[in-house]
Amino acid sequence: MTNPNKSYKALFEHKQEILRNRPDKTRVSVTASSQLVDQFRSHVKTRNFEVIVDQPENMGSTDQGPRPSEYVLAALAACHEVTYRLYADAMEIDLQEIAVSVEGISDARGFFNLDDNIPAGFSEVIGTIDIVSSASDEDLERLRLAVNRHCPVLDDLRKPMKVDLELKRRQ
C-alpha cells in the first residue's frame, strides 16, 4: 500500500531540473551479468542484487526461480507501477493504490525451431492495471497516456532497438 503522506512530485521536478541543466547526466547505464550454474539455472547480478533465473522441471531444470520471460513481465508490471506513482504525483492526480497484472502469450514452436515464421518470444502482452483513486475519468486517462508514453520497460518492449551481443571465447 502506498504511503498517503509521501509525494514524489518534488523528486520528479528535481530530476527534471538536473537533466535540463546537466546534459552530461542524461545518459543512464544499467548492467546485469549472468552465469549458468546448473542445468538451466543462472545466477544474475545487477547492482548489489543477485537473483536466480531458472526453468521449470518440465524443461529439465530445477524450478528454483522464474524463467527469463517471467522476469520480463515482472519488470513491465513493476515499472508500470513506479511510473504511475511518479506521474500521478507529478500531475497531482490522486492515486492511493496500484497493482499491475500482466500475461505474455508466446508460441513454443518459435523457441524450439519448428517454424521460422513464429517468433521465439512474446507475440502479445495483455494486462490489467488496478487502481484506487478519487480522480476523474479524464485525469486517469491523461495519467494512463503519460505512463504509456514514459514507462521505460514498456518502451523497451514496444520498439526495436540495437542489441549487439559479442561472442568471446574464454581461456
C-alpha atoms as a PDB file:
ATOM      1  CA  MET A   1       0.000   0.000   0.000  1.00  0.00           C
ATOM      2  CA  THR A   2       1.249   3.459  -0.848  1.00  0.00           C
ATOM      3  CA  ASN A   3       2.114   5.883   1.947  1.00  0.00           C
ATOM      4  CA  PRO A   4      -0.556   8.620   1.571  1.00  0.00           C
ATOM      5  CA  ASN A   5       1.774  11.217   3.093  1.00  0.00           C
ATOM      6  CA  LYS A   6       4.576  10.631   0.580  1.00  0.00           C
ATOM      7  CA  SER A   7       4.647  12.575  -2.681  1.00  0.00           C
ATOM      8  CA  TYR A   8       7.196  12.194  -5.450  1.00  0.00           C
ATOM      9  CA  LYS A   9       6.346  15.460  -7.207  1.00  0.00           C
ATOM     10  CA  ALA A  10       9.372  17.235  -5.700  1.00  0.00           C
ATOM     11  CA  LEU A  11      11.647  14.351  -6.721  1.00  0.00           C
ATOM     12  CA  PHE A  12      10.215  14.425 -10.256  1.00  0.00           C
ATOM     13  CA  GLU A  13      10.746  18.169 -10.593  1.00  0.00           C
ATOM     14  CA  HIS A  14      14.235  17.973  -9.064  1.00  0.00           C
ATOM     15  CA  LYS A  15      15.289  15.286 -11.563  1.00  0.00           C
ATOM     16  CA  GLN A  16      13.835  17.323 -14.436  1.00  0.00           C
ATOM     17  CA  GLU A  17      15.856  20.359 -13.315  1.00  0.00           C
ATOM     18  CA  ILE A  18      19.085  18.363 -13.094  1.00  0.00           C
ATOM     19  CA  LEU A  19      18.544  16.868 -16.547  1.00  0.00           C
ATOM     20  CA  ARG A  20      17.742  20.266 -18.085  1.00  0.00           C
ATOM     21  CA  ASN A  21      20.896  21.836 -16.668  1.00  0.00           C
ATOM     22  CA  ARG A  22      23.308  18.909 -16.835  1.00  0.00           C
ATOM     23  CA  PRO A  23      23.196  17.191 -20.245  1.00  0.00           C
ATOM     24  CA  ASP A  24      26.109  15.012 -19.074  1.00  0.00           C
ATOM     25  CA  LYS A  25      23.705  13.380 -16.573  1.00  0.00           C
ATOM     26  CA  THR A  26      21.086  12.292 -19.116  1.00  0.00           C
ATOM     27  CA  ARG A  27      22.708   9.001 -20.166  1.00  0.00           C
ATOM     28  CA  VAL A  28      21.851   6.152 -17.811  1.00  0.00           C
ATOM     29  CA  SER A  29      23.652   2.807 -17.996  1.00  0.00           C
ATOM     30  CA  VAL A  30      22.162  -0.277 -16.372  1.00  0.00           C
ATOM     31  CA  THR A  31      24.084  -3.549 -16.282  1.00  0.00           C
ATOM     32  CA  ALA A  32      23.440  -7.184 -15.495  1.00  0.00           C
ATOM     33  CA  SER A  33      25.704 -10.222 -15.671  1.00  0.00           C
ATOM     34  CA  SER A  34      24.626 -13.832 -15.610  1.00  0.00           C
ATOM     35  CA  GLN A  35      26.357 -17.175 -15.093  1.00  0.00           C
ATOM     36  CA  LEU A  36      24.740 -20.508 -15.919  1.00  0.00           C
ATOM     37  CA  VAL A  37      25.460 -22.635 -12.824  1.00  0.00           C
ATOM     38  CA  ASP A  38      23.438 -25.845 -13.121  1.00  0.00           C
ATOM     39  CA  GLN A  39      21.142 -27.282 -15.781  1.00  0.00           C
ATOM     40  CA  PHE A  40      19.235 -24.133 -16.882  1.00  0.00           C
ATOM     41  CA  ARG A  41      19.683 -22.223 -13.587  1.00  0.00           C
ATOM     42  CA  SER A  42      21.536 -18.929 -13.789  1.00  0.00           C
ATOM     43  CA  HIS A  43      22.719 -16.526 -11.139  1.00  0.00           C
ATOM     44  CA  VAL A  44      22.215 -12.961 -12.306  1.00  0.00           C
ATOM     45  CA  LYS A  45      23.874  -9.962 -10.687  1.00  0.00           C
ATOM     46  CA  THR A  46      22.729  -6.380 -11.065  1.00  0.00           C
ATOM     47  CA  ARG A  47      23.859  -3.561  -8.770  1.00  0.00           C
ATOM     48  CA  ASN A  48      24.074  -5.151  -5.286  1.00  0.00           C
ATOM     49  CA  PHE A  49      21.492  -7.825  -6.004  1.00  0.00           C
ATOM     50  CA  GLU A  50      21.635 -11.423  -7.087  1.00  0.00           C
ATOM     51  CA  VAL A  51      18.610 -13.220  -8.480  1.00  0.00           C
ATOM     52  CA  ILE A  52      18.080 -16.769  -9.646  1.00  0.00           C
ATOM     53  CA  VAL A  53      16.678 -17.428 -13.095  1.00  0.00           C
ATOM     54  CA  ASP A  54      15.645 -20.997 -13.892  1.00  0.00           C
ATOM     55  CA  GLN A  55      13.352 -23.144 -15.958  1.00  0.00           C
ATOM     56  CA  PRO A  56      10.579 -25.415 -14.652  1.00  0.00           C
ATOM     57  CA  GLU A  57      11.132 -29.117 -14.107  1.00  0.00           C
ATOM     58  CA  ASN A  58       9.215 -29.928 -17.317  1.00  0.00           C
ATOM     59  CA  MET A  59      12.051 -28.114 -19.142  1.00  0.00           C
ATOM     60  CA  GLY A  60      14.685 -30.289 -17.467  1.00  0.00           C
ATOM     61  CA  SER A  61      15.735 -27.914 -14.731  1.00  0.00           C
ATOM     62  CA  THR A  62      15.158 -27.363 -11.020  1.00  0.00           C
ATOM     63  CA  ASP A  63      12.440 -24.636 -10.928  1.00  0.00           C
ATOM     64  CA  GLN A  64      14.376 -22.568  -8.370  1.00  0.00           C
ATOM     65  CA  GLY A  65      13.436 -19.227  -9.880  1.00  0.00           C
ATOM     66  CA  PRO A  66      11.312 -17.520 -12.516  1.00  0.00           C
ATOM     67  CA  ARG A  67      12.025 -18.022 -16.216  1.00  0.00           C
ATOM     68  CA  PRO A  68      13.679 -15.122 -18.080  1.00  0.00           C
ATOM     69  CA  SER A  69      10.370 -14.286 -19.776  1.00  0.00           C
ATOM     70  CA  GLU A  70       8.666 -14.115 -16.376  1.00  0.00           C
ATOM     71  CA  TYR A  71      11.244 -11.551 -15.287  1.00  0.00           C
ATOM     72  CA  VAL A  72      10.401  -9.530 -18.404  1.00  0.00           C
ATOM     73  CA  LEU A  73       6.742  -9.500 -17.326  1.00  0.00           C
ATOM     74  CA  ALA A  74       7.694  -8.722 -13.720  1.00  0.00           C
ATOM     75  CA  ALA A  75       9.849  -5.832 -14.929  1.00  0.00           C
ATOM     76  CA  LEU A  76       6.976  -4.453 -17.005  1.00  0.00           C
ATOM     77  CA  ALA A  77       4.463  -4.707 -14.147  1.00  0.00           C
ATOM     78  CA  ALA A  78       6.768  -3.127 -11.552  1.00  0.00           C
ATOM     79  CA  CYS A  79       7.992  -0.411 -13.915  1.00  0.00           C
ATOM     80  CA  HIS A  80       4.421   0.485 -14.787  1.00  0.00           C
ATOM     81  CA  GLU A  81       3.557   0.794 -11.096  1.00  0.00           C
ATOM     82  CA  VAL A  82       6.572   3.059 -10.455  1.00  0.00           C
ATOM     83  CA  THR A  83       5.753   5.202 -13.490  1.00  0.00           C
ATOM     84  CA  TYR A  84       2.107   5.512 -12.425  1.00  0.00           C
ATOM     85  CA  ARG A  85       3.148   6.524  -8.899  1.00  0.00           C
ATOM     86  CA  LEU A  86       5.682   9.091 -10.115  1.00  0.00           C
ATOM     87  CA  TYR A  87       3.478  10.620 -12.802  1.00  0.00           C
ATOM     88  CA  ALA A  88       0.345  10.671 -10.640  1.00  0.00           C
ATOM     89  CA  ASP A  89       2.214  12.742  -8.076  1.00  0.00           C
ATOM     90  CA  ALA A  90       3.846  14.954 -10.709  1.00  0.00           C
ATOM     91  CA  MET A  91       0.477  15.585 -12.380  1.00  0.00           C
ATOM     92  CA  GLU A  92      -1.272  15.991  -8.998  1.00  0.00           C
ATOM     93  CA  ILE A  93      -3.673  13.144  -9.734  1.00  0.00           C
ATOM     94  CA  ASP A  94      -4.896  11.129  -6.758  1.00  0.00           C
ATOM     95  CA  LEU A  95      -3.517   7.579  -6.767  1.00  0.00           C
ATOM     96  CA  GLN A  96      -3.943   5.720  -3.499  1.00  0.00           C
ATOM     97  CA  GLU A  97      -3.094   2.178  -4.638  1.00  0.00           C
ATOM     98  CA  ILE A  98      -1.899   0.472  -7.800  1.00  0.00           C
ATOM     99  CA  ALA A  99      -1.317  -3.143  -8.798  1.00  0.00           C
ATOM    100  CA  VAL A 100      -0.451  -4.434 -12.257  1.00  0.00           C
ATOM    101  CA  SER A 101      -1.009  -7.960 -13.593  1.00  0.00           C
ATOM    102  CA  VAL A 102       0.373  -8.965 -16.985  1.00  0.00           C
ATOM    103  CA  GLU A 103       0.348 -12.096 -19.119  1.00  0.00           C
ATOM    104  CA  GLY A 104       2.644 -12.819 -22.029  1.00  0.00           C
ATOM    105  CA  ILE A 105       1.476 -15.048 -24.866  1.00  0.00           C
ATOM    106  CA  SER A 106       4.035 -16.932 -26.936  1.00  0.00           C
ATOM    107  CA  ASP A 107       4.130 -19.913 -29.269  1.00  0.00           C
ATOM    108  CA  ALA A 108       6.692 -22.551 -28.222  1.00  0.00           C
ATOM    109  CA  ARG A 109       7.227 -23.546 -31.881  1.00  0.00           C
ATOM    110  CA  GLY A 110       9.330 -20.399 -32.296  1.00  0.00           C
ATOM    111  CA  PHE A 111      11.723 -21.240 -29.448  1.00  0.00           C
ATOM    112  CA  PHE A 112      12.017 -24.893 -30.494  1.00  0.00           C
ATOM    113  CA  ASN A 113      12.709 -24.038 -34.170  1.00  0.00           C
ATOM    114  CA  LEU A 114       9.614 -25.693 -35.607  1.00  0.00           C
ATOM    115  CA  ASP A 115       8.546 -22.725 -37.721  1.00  0.00           C
ATOM    116  CA  ASP A 116      10.840 -19.862 -38.764  1.00  0.00           C
ATOM    117  CA  ASN A 117       7.803 -17.598 -39.185  1.00  0.00           C
ATOM    118  CA  ILE A 118       6.895 -17.801 -35.497  1.00  0.00           C
ATOM    119  CA  PRO A 119       8.816 -15.517 -33.121  1.00  0.00           C
ATOM    120  CA  ALA A 120      10.614 -17.103 -30.180  1.00  0.00           C
ATOM    121  CA  GLY A 121       9.319 -14.512 -27.709  1.00  0.00           C
ATOM    122  CA  PHE A 122       6.017 -12.986 -26.802  1.00  0.00           C
ATOM    123  CA  SER A 123       3.598 -12.213 -29.612  1.00  0.00           C
ATOM    124  CA  GLU A 124       1.443 -10.170 -27.242  1.00  0.00           C
ATOM    125  CA  VAL A 125       1.265  -8.996 -23.668  1.00  0.00           C
ATOM    126  CA  ILE A 126      -2.059  -8.238 -22.034  1.00  0.00           C
ATOM    127  CA  GLY A 127      -2.725  -6.938 -18.583  1.00  0.00           C
ATOM    128  CA  THR A 128      -4.772  -5.095 -16.039  1.00  0.00           C
ATOM    129  CA  ILE A 129      -3.918  -2.003 -14.034  1.00  0.00           C
ATOM    130  CA  ASP A 130      -5.953  -1.931 -10.823  1.00  0.00           C
ATOM    131  CA  ILE A 131      -6.041   1.404  -9.032  1.00  0.00           C
ATOM    132  CA  VAL A 132      -7.742   3.091  -6.134  1.00  0.00           C
ATOM    133  CA  SER A 133      -8.282   6.759  -6.919  1.00  0.00           C
ATOM    134  CA  SER A 134     -10.769   9.567  -6.471  1.00  0.00           C
ATOM    135  CA  ALA A 135      -9.565  11.226  -9.695  1.00  0.00           C
ATOM    136  CA  SER A 136     -11.914  11.908 -12.594  1.00  0.00           C
ATOM    137  CA  ASP A 137     -12.008   9.583 -15.588  1.00  0.00           C
ATOM    138  CA  GLU A 138     -10.430  12.364 -17.669  1.00  0.00           C
ATOM    139  CA  ASP A 139      -7.500  12.741 -15.253  1.00  0.00           C
ATOM    140  CA  LEU A 140      -6.997   8.981 -15.135  1.00  0.00           C
ATOM    141  CA  GLU A 141      -6.927   8.868 -18.934  1.00  0.00           C
ATOM    142  CA  ARG A 142      -4.330  11.675 -19.019  1.00  0.00           C
ATOM    143  CA  LEU A 143      -2.313   9.698 -16.489  1.00  0.00           C
ATOM    144  CA  ARG A 144      -2.637   6.462 -18.475  1.00  0.00           C
ATOM    145  CA  LEU A 145      -1.422   8.183 -21.644  1.00  0.00           C
ATOM    146  CA  ALA A 146       1.540   9.755 -19.813  1.00  0.00           C
ATOM    147  CA  VAL A 147       2.537   6.427 -18.277  1.00  0.00           C
ATOM    148  CA  ASN A 148       2.245   4.583 -21.586  1.00  0.00           C
ATOM    149  CA  ARG A 149       4.490   7.212 -23.161  1.00  0.00           C
ATOM    150  CA  HIS A 150       7.130   7.316 -20.398  1.00  0.00           C
ATOM    151  CA  CYS A 151       7.339   3.816 -18.859  1.00  0.00           C
ATOM    152  CA  PRO A 152      10.885   2.651 -19.742  1.00  0.00           C
ATOM    153  CA  VAL A 153      10.186  -1.091 -19.811  1.00  0.00           C
ATOM    154  CA  LEU A 154       7.027  -0.646 -21.870  1.00  0.00           C
ATOM    155  CA  ASP A 155       9.067   1.497 -24.259  1.00  0.00           C
ATOM    156  CA  ASP A 156      11.766  -1.208 -24.444  1.00  0.00           C
ATOM    157  CA  LEU A 157       9.173  -3.839 -25.333  1.00  0.00           C
ATOM    158  CA  ARG A 158       7.379  -1.730 -27.931  1.00  0.00           C
ATOM    159  CA  LYS A 159      10.261  -0.535 -30.062  1.00  0.00           C
ATOM    160  CA  PRO A 160      13.063  -2.168 -31.947  1.00  0.00           C
ATOM    161  CA  MET A 161      16.486  -1.312 -30.571  1.00  0.00           C
ATOM    162  CA  LYS A 162      20.077  -2.107 -31.313  1.00  0.00           C
ATOM    163  CA  VAL A 163      21.232  -5.167 -29.406  1.00  0.00           C
ATOM    164  CA  ASP A 164      24.790  -6.324 -30.032  1.00  0.00           C
ATOM    165  CA  LEU A 165      25.945  -9.397 -28.096  1.00  0.00           C
ATOM    166  CA  GLU A 166      29.538 -10.280 -28.936  1.00  0.00           C
ATOM    167  CA  LEU A 167      30.666 -13.902 -28.626  1.00  0.00           C
ATOM    168  CA  LYS A 168      34.023 -14.183 -26.833  1.00  0.00           C
ATOM    169  CA  ARG A 169      35.981 -17.361 -26.234  1.00  0.00           C
ATOM    170  CA  ARG A 170      37.331 -17.536 -22.685  1.00  0.00           C
ATOM    171  CA  GLN A 171      40.552 -19.438 -21.993  1.00  0.00           C
END
